Amino acid sequence: MVKSMITRDFKAVLESESTLEAVLLLGPRQVGKSTLLEQMRVGSHLLLDDLALRERAQRDPALLLDGATLPCLIDEAQYAPNLFSEIKLRIDKFRREKRELGKVYASPLFYLTGSNRTMLDENVKESLAGRSNLFLFLGLSVKEVLGAMKEASLKSILFRGGFPELYTRPELKVYGFMNDYIMSFVEKDIAVSAGIEKMSAFHTVLRLLAARTGQFLNMTQVSGAAGVDQKTVQSWLSVLQRNLIVALVPSYSSNLSSRIIKMPKLFFYDTGLCARLQGHLDEDQTWHSSQMGALFETLVFSEIKKTILNFLKPWELYCWRT
């Protein structure tokens, strides 16, 4: 069911645009990255959420990859930084053999997924520069949800967001899933890896940002309400942007300097996550809340961004401020 929900459009883009020996699919947890790549007919699947496997990958990455069948899918690759240098060595060896012996491999050698860009950036820049294609991947689009579940309503999509599991497992409580997601991924995984120590203040800023989705972002107001200096809030916002939790859309102006200076609009990439941070517990409460208009605008923004990313469009988004 999950496979049927994830569009094959993006799979076709991956197949046509992957010109290097490694593909890195970057996106938040639980949005279907591994499910999509499993459709690429991989040989081995290494799941680094497994602590024992992660330890082996760190201790002896060469031995681990010797036992893998290519193409190899490595989930959550950021947890084993030592793997990247070994992958680099193997790609370089493959390139030498390709030149000297005429060996040909039709598809990438490695498919990597990552949900924490803070941890990934340094390793990818140092080890896989010029050897990997980077693709950004978000949750399900409205088209994907309705393509698999004709009965899905706008009210349901706004409340659940783009997480496939919330559609394929009706027994899950949405607010419970979101609470766990915020604690385990946003607060623990992203915040801790970025060196954020003031977790209570960080959670307050998260909720303040959720209350401002679809609005022009005034950093002074957010920092004042959270009791945190503006520089710190700006730093936390940058972490959330890099990890595809929130986005800032600049105000349009024909003057480039004005675009940079003018106040941007804030949007969450996922309406379900945003609705939970706003405190909503069910679809009806969300639908009749005062934030409904901003959440709908957030959904429109999210759909446009997914179209841009899924089809590799060179489009820039701006908001119009009168």
Protein backbone atom coordinates (compact mmCIF):
# COMPACT_ATOMS: atom_id res chain seq x y z
CA MET A 1 0.00 0.00 0.00
CA VAL A 2 2.80 2.44 0.91
CA LYS A 3 4.58 1.69 -2.38
CA SER A 4 1.40 2.42 -4.31
CA MET A 5 1.11 5.82 -2.62
CA ILE A 6 4.59 7.03 -3.56
CA THR A 7 4.56 8.44 -7.05
CA ARG A 8 6.59 6.81 -9.80
CA ASP A 9 7.20 10.24 -11.30
CA PHE A 10 10.06 10.86 -8.90
CA LYS A 11 11.42 7.35 -9.48
CA ALA A 12 11.59 8.14 -13.20
CA VAL A 13 13.43 11.38 -12.41
CA LEU A 14 15.92 9.46 -10.26
CA GLU A 15 16.58 6.97 -13.05
CA SER A 16 17.05 9.64 -15.70
CA GLU A 17 19.04 12.17 -13.64
CA SER A 18 21.38 9.86 -11.68
CA THR A 19 24.59 10.29 -13.65
CA LEU A 20 27.10 9.54 -10.88
CA GLU A 21 27.98 6.43 -8.90
CA ALA A 22 26.06 7.33 -5.74
CA VAL A 23 22.59 8.73 -5.11
CA LEU A 24 21.85 10.53 -1.85
CA LEU A 25 18.16 10.99 -1.03
CA LEU A 26 17.77 13.58 1.72
CA GLY A 27 14.54 14.24 3.56
CA PRO A 28 12.79 14.06 6.94
CA ARG A 29 12.18 10.73 8.63
CA GLN A 30 9.12 8.64 7.81
CA VAL A 31 8.37 10.24 4.42
CA GLY A 32 9.11 7.16 2.27
CA LYS A 33 12.75 7.57 1.17
CA SER A 34 13.68 3.92 1.70
CA THR A 35 10.41 2.67 0.22
CA LEU A 36 11.08 4.66 -2.94
CA LEU A 37 14.67 3.46 -3.31
CA GLU A 38 13.67 -0.16 -2.72
CA GLN A 39 11.85 0.12 -6.05
CA MET A 40 15.21 0.70 -7.76
CA ARG A 41 16.06 -3.04 -7.54
CA VAL A 42 18.88 -2.78 -5.05
CA GLY A 43 21.07 -5.76 -4.17
CA SER A 44 21.68 -5.21 -0.44
CA HIS A 45 19.88 -3.12 2.13
CA LEU A 46 21.87 -1.87 5.15
CA LEU A 47 19.71 -0.26 7.84
CA LEU A 48 21.89 1.89 10.10
CA ASP A 49 19.08 2.45 12.58
CA ASP A 50 20.27 -0.98 13.76
CA LEU A 51 22.83 -0.15 16.46
CA ALA A 52 24.84 -3.37 15.93
CA LEU A 53 25.08 -2.77 12.18
CA ARG A 54 25.96 0.88 12.77
CA GLU A 55 28.82 -0.17 15.05
CA ARG A 56 30.14 -2.60 12.42
CA ALA A 57 29.94 0.12 9.77
CA GLN A 58 31.98 2.45 11.95
CA ARG A 59 34.51 -0.15 13.07
CA ASP A 60 35.19 -1.87 9.75
CA PRO A 61 33.32 -0.28 6.81
CA ALA A 62 35.41 -2.20 4.25
CA LEU A 63 34.38 -5.57 5.69
CA LEU A 64 30.73 -4.54 5.80
CA LEU A 65 30.71 -3.42 2.16
CA ASP A 66 32.65 -6.52 1.05
CA GLY A 67 29.61 -8.56 2.05
CA ALA A 68 27.14 -6.29 0.28
CA THR A 69 25.70 -6.83 -3.19
CA LEU A 70 25.68 -3.85 -5.53
CA PRO A 71 23.72 -1.67 -5.96
CA CYS A 72 23.66 -1.23 -2.18
CA LEU A 73 21.04 0.77 -0.29
CA ILE A 74 22.30 2.33 2.95
CA ASP A 75 19.58 3.80 5.19
CA GLU A 76 20.37 6.75 7.47
CA ALA A 77 23.96 6.90 6.27
CA GLN A 78 24.78 9.87 8.52
CA TYR A 79 25.08 7.52 11.50
CA ALA A 80 28.27 5.90 10.12
CA PRO A 81 30.64 8.66 8.92
CA ASN A 82 33.44 6.13 8.36
CA LEU A 83 31.42 4.59 5.54
CA PHE A 84 31.78 7.66 3.35
CA SER A 85 35.55 7.43 2.90
CA GLU A 86 35.22 3.72 2.08
CA ILE A 87 32.48 4.43 -0.47
CA LYS A 88 34.74 7.09 -2.00
CA LEU A 89 37.57 4.55 -2.35
CA ARG A 90 35.29 2.03 -4.06
CA ILE A 91 33.84 4.60 -6.44
CA ASP A 92 37.35 5.75 -7.41
CA LYS A 93 38.41 2.12 -7.93
CA PHE A 94 35.34 1.55 -10.10
CA ARG A 95 36.22 4.59 -12.19
CA ARG A 96 39.77 3.34 -12.75
CA GLU A 97 38.49 -0.08 -13.82
CA LYS A 98 35.96 1.58 -16.08
CA ARG A 99 38.72 3.53 -17.83
CA GLU A 100 41.30 0.73 -17.97
CA LEU A 101 39.15 -2.37 -18.41
CA GLY A 102 35.99 -0.93 -19.93
CA LYS A 103 33.77 -2.16 -17.09
CA VAL A 104 30.25 -0.76 -17.27
CA TYR A 105 27.66 -0.50 -14.52
CA ALA A 106 24.25 0.69 -15.69
CA SER A 107 22.96 2.05 -12.36
CA PRO A 108 24.52 3.83 -9.37
CA LEU A 109 26.65 1.66 -7.08
CA PHE A 110 25.21 3.11 -3.88
CA TYR A 111 21.85 4.51 -2.84
CA LEU A 112 22.04 6.46 0.40
CA THR A 113 19.30 7.99 2.51
CA GLY A 114 19.73 10.65 5.16
CA SER A 115 17.35 12.49 7.45
CA ASN A 116 19.84 14.68 9.29
CA ARG A 117 21.54 17.20 7.02
CA THR A 118 23.55 18.66 9.88
CA MET A 119 25.37 15.33 10.28
CA LEU A 120 25.52 14.58 6.55
CA ASP A 121 26.89 17.80 5.13
CA GLU A 122 30.49 17.52 6.27
CA ASN A 123 30.87 13.88 5.19
CA VAL A 124 29.26 14.35 1.79
CA LYS A 125 31.26 17.49 1.00
CA GLU A 126 34.56 15.86 1.93
CA SER A 127 34.05 12.33 0.59
CA LEU A 128 31.39 12.24 -2.12
CA ALA A 129 31.87 15.57 -3.87
CA GLY A 130 31.64 14.90 -7.62
CA ARG A 131 30.63 11.30 -6.94
CA SER A 132 27.02 11.60 -5.81
CA ASN A 133 23.74 13.10 -6.98
CA LEU A 134 21.78 14.80 -4.19
CA PHE A 135 17.98 14.75 -4.32
CA LEU A 136 15.63 16.30 -1.74
CA PHE A 137 12.49 14.35 -0.90
CA LEU A 138 9.43 15.44 1.08
CA GLY A 139 6.28 13.59 2.20
CA LEU A 140 3.29 12.52 0.16
CA SER A 141 1.61 15.05 -2.09
CA VAL A 142 -2.15 15.47 -2.30
CA LYS A 143 -2.02 13.78 -5.71
CA GLU A 144 -0.31 10.71 -4.22
CA VAL A 145 -2.75 10.43 -1.32
CA LEU A 146 -5.85 10.78 -3.52
CA GLY A 147 -4.35 8.42 -6.11
CA ALA A 148 -4.25 5.64 -3.52
CA MET A 149 -7.18 6.64 -1.30
CA LYS A 150 -10.03 8.21 -3.23
CA GLU A 151 -12.00 8.71 -0.02
CA ALA A 152 -9.35 10.91 1.61
CA SER A 153 -10.63 14.42 2.37
CA LEU A 154 -8.88 17.77 2.48
CA LYS A 155 -9.66 17.87 6.20
CA SER A 156 -7.83 14.56 6.70
CA ILE A 157 -4.84 15.55 4.55
CA LEU A 158 -4.39 18.85 6.39
CA PHE A 159 -4.39 17.07 9.76
CA ARG A 160 -2.21 14.06 8.78
CA GLY A 161 0.20 15.83 6.48
CA GLY A 162 2.39 13.78 4.15
CA PHE A 163 3.42 10.83 6.35
CA PRO A 164 2.50 7.58 4.52
CA GLU A 165 2.17 5.59 7.73
CA LEU A 166 -0.71 7.74 8.95
CA TYR A 167 -2.73 6.67 5.88
CA THR A 168 -1.76 3.00 5.71
CA ARG A 169 -2.18 2.29 9.44
CA PRO A 170 -5.58 3.61 10.54
CA GLU A 171 -5.05 2.26 14.06
CA LEU A 172 -2.37 4.90 14.72
CA LYS A 173 -3.35 7.93 16.76
CA VAL A 174 -2.19 10.95 14.76
CA TYR A 175 -1.40 13.09 17.80
CA GLY A 176 0.61 10.22 19.34
CA PHE A 177 2.57 9.68 16.13
CA MET A 178 3.31 13.40 15.88
CA ASN A 179 4.31 13.69 19.54
CA ASP A 180 6.81 10.84 19.09
CA TYR A 181 8.05 12.38 15.84
CA ILE A 182 8.66 15.77 17.46
CA MET A 183 10.46 14.21 20.43
CA SER A 184 12.56 11.66 18.54
CA PHE A 185 13.38 13.41 15.27
CA VAL A 186 12.95 17.17 15.61
CA GLU A 187 14.04 17.64 19.21
CA LYS A 188 16.39 14.71 19.77
CA ASP A 189 17.94 13.89 16.39
CA ILE A 190 18.11 17.31 14.75
CA ALA A 191 18.49 19.56 17.79
CA VAL A 192 21.03 17.44 19.65
CA SER A 193 23.22 16.91 16.57
CA ALA A 194 23.21 20.69 16.02
CA GLY A 195 24.44 21.24 19.58
CA ILE A 196 21.21 22.81 20.85
CA GLU A 197 21.11 22.53 24.65
CA LYS A 198 18.15 24.71 25.65
CA MET A 199 15.54 22.13 24.69
CA SER A 200 12.65 23.77 26.53
CA ALA A 201 13.31 27.09 24.79
CA PHE A 202 13.79 25.29 21.44
CA HIS A 203 10.39 23.62 21.80
CA THR A 204 8.84 27.00 22.64
CA VAL A 205 10.35 28.50 19.49
CA LEU A 206 9.04 25.56 17.46
CA ARG A 207 5.50 26.19 18.69
CA LEU A 208 5.80 29.92 18.10
CA LEU A 209 6.94 29.25 14.53
CA ALA A 210 4.02 26.84 14.00
CA ALA A 211 1.62 29.57 15.14
CA ARG A 212 3.14 31.82 12.46
CA THR A 213 3.05 29.50 9.45
CA GLY A 214 1.75 31.35 6.40
CA GLN A 215 2.67 34.69 7.97
CA PHE A 216 5.48 37.19 7.58
CA LEU A 217 8.14 36.27 10.12
CA ASN A 218 9.15 38.91 12.65
CA MET A 219 12.23 37.52 14.41
CA THR A 220 12.09 40.16 17.13
CA GLN A 221 8.60 39.04 18.15
CA VAL A 222 9.58 35.36 18.24
CA SER A 223 12.75 35.91 20.26
CA GLY A 224 10.90 38.20 22.69
CA ALA A 225 8.06 35.71 23.22
CA ALA A 226 10.49 32.81 23.73
CA GLY A 227 12.85 34.72 25.99
CA VAL A 228 15.79 33.85 23.75
CA ASP A 229 18.10 36.29 21.97
CA GLN A 230 17.45 36.88 18.28
CA LYS A 231 20.79 35.46 17.15
CA THR A 232 20.00 32.13 18.83
CA VAL A 233 16.53 31.96 17.27
CA GLN A 234 18.08 32.70 13.87
CA SER A 235 20.55 29.86 14.38
CA TRP A 236 17.79 27.42 15.34
CA LEU A 237 15.70 28.52 12.37
CA SER A 238 18.63 27.80 10.05
CA VAL A 239 18.87 24.26 11.45
CA LEU A 240 15.15 23.69 10.84
CA GLN A 241 15.46 25.05 7.30
CA ARG A 242 18.41 22.80 6.42
CA ASN A 243 16.52 19.76 7.68
CA LEU A 244 13.37 20.55 5.66
CA ILE A 245 11.10 21.30 8.60
CA VAL A 246 10.41 24.94 7.73
CA ALA A 247 11.09 27.26 4.79
CA LEU A 248 11.30 31.02 4.34
CA VAL A 249 9.79 32.49 1.17
CA PRO A 250 11.17 35.93 0.29
CA SER A 251 8.95 38.84 -0.70
CA TYR A 252 9.12 39.52 -4.42
CA SER A 253 10.74 42.70 -5.67
CA SER A 254 12.33 43.63 -8.97
CA ASN A 255 15.21 44.96 -6.86
CA LEU A 256 17.47 42.10 -5.72
CA SER A 257 18.60 43.92 -2.58
CA SER A 258 14.99 44.52 -1.55
CA ARG A 259 14.22 40.79 -1.89
CA ILE A 260 16.98 40.02 0.58
CA ILE A 261 16.07 42.74 3.06
CA LYS A 262 12.25 42.46 3.08
CA MET A 263 10.54 40.31 5.70
CA PRO A 264 9.99 36.72 4.40
CA LYS A 265 7.00 34.46 4.91
CA LEU A 266 7.41 31.35 7.03
CA PHE A 267 5.96 27.97 6.03
CA PHE A 268 6.17 24.47 7.44
CA TYR A 269 6.76 21.75 4.86
CA ASP A 270 4.22 19.46 6.55
CA THR A 271 0.79 20.63 7.68
CA GLY A 272 0.31 17.65 10.01
CA LEU A 273 3.46 18.44 11.98
CA CYS A 274 2.51 22.11 12.06
CA ALA A 275 -1.05 21.39 13.25
CA ARG A 276 0.23 19.25 16.11
CA LEU A 277 2.72 21.93 17.18
CA GLN A 278 -0.23 24.34 17.19
CA GLY A 279 -1.89 21.99 19.71
CA HIS A 280 -4.65 20.43 17.57
CA LEU A 281 -5.80 16.93 18.56
CA ASP A 282 -8.25 15.96 15.79
CA GLU A 283 -9.39 16.84 12.29
CA ASP A 284 -12.48 18.81 13.30
CA GLN A 285 -10.59 20.96 15.79
CA THR A 286 -8.01 21.75 13.10
CA TRP A 287 -10.66 22.42 10.45
CA HIS A 288 -12.56 24.93 12.60
CA SER A 289 -9.54 26.62 14.16
CA SER A 290 -8.50 30.21 13.53
CA GLN A 291 -5.29 28.88 11.92
CA MET A 292 -7.18 27.03 9.18
CA GLY A 293 -6.54 29.66 6.49
CA ALA A 294 -2.81 29.73 7.20
CA LEU A 295 -2.68 25.92 7.25
CA PHE A 296 -4.38 25.76 3.86
CA GLU A 297 -1.88 28.26 2.47
CA THR A 298 0.87 26.10 3.97
CA LEU A 299 -0.54 23.07 2.14
CA VAL A 300 -0.49 25.00 -1.14
CA PHE A 301 3.13 26.01 -0.52
CA SER A 302 4.02 22.39 0.29
CA GLU A 303 2.42 21.12 -2.93
CA ILE A 304 4.37 23.62 -5.03
CA LYS A 305 7.64 22.70 -3.31
CA LYS A 306 7.02 18.98 -3.84
CA THR A 307 6.37 19.61 -7.54
CA ILE A 308 9.61 21.61 -7.81
CA LEU A 309 11.67 18.94 -6.02
CA ASN A 310 10.04 15.87 -7.57
CA PHE A 311 10.49 17.15 -11.12
CA LEU A 312 13.74 19.11 -10.56
CA LYS A 313 12.17 22.34 -11.78
CA PRO A 314 14.38 25.48 -11.69
CA TRP A 315 11.59 27.55 -10.17
CA GLU A 316 12.02 30.14 -7.42
CA LEU A 317 9.18 30.86 -5.01
CA TYR A 318 8.27 34.35 -3.79
CA CYS A 319 5.37 35.83 -1.89
CA TRP A 320 3.60 38.98 -3.04
CA ARG A 321 3.43 41.72 -0.44
CA THR A 322 1.33 44.85 -1.08
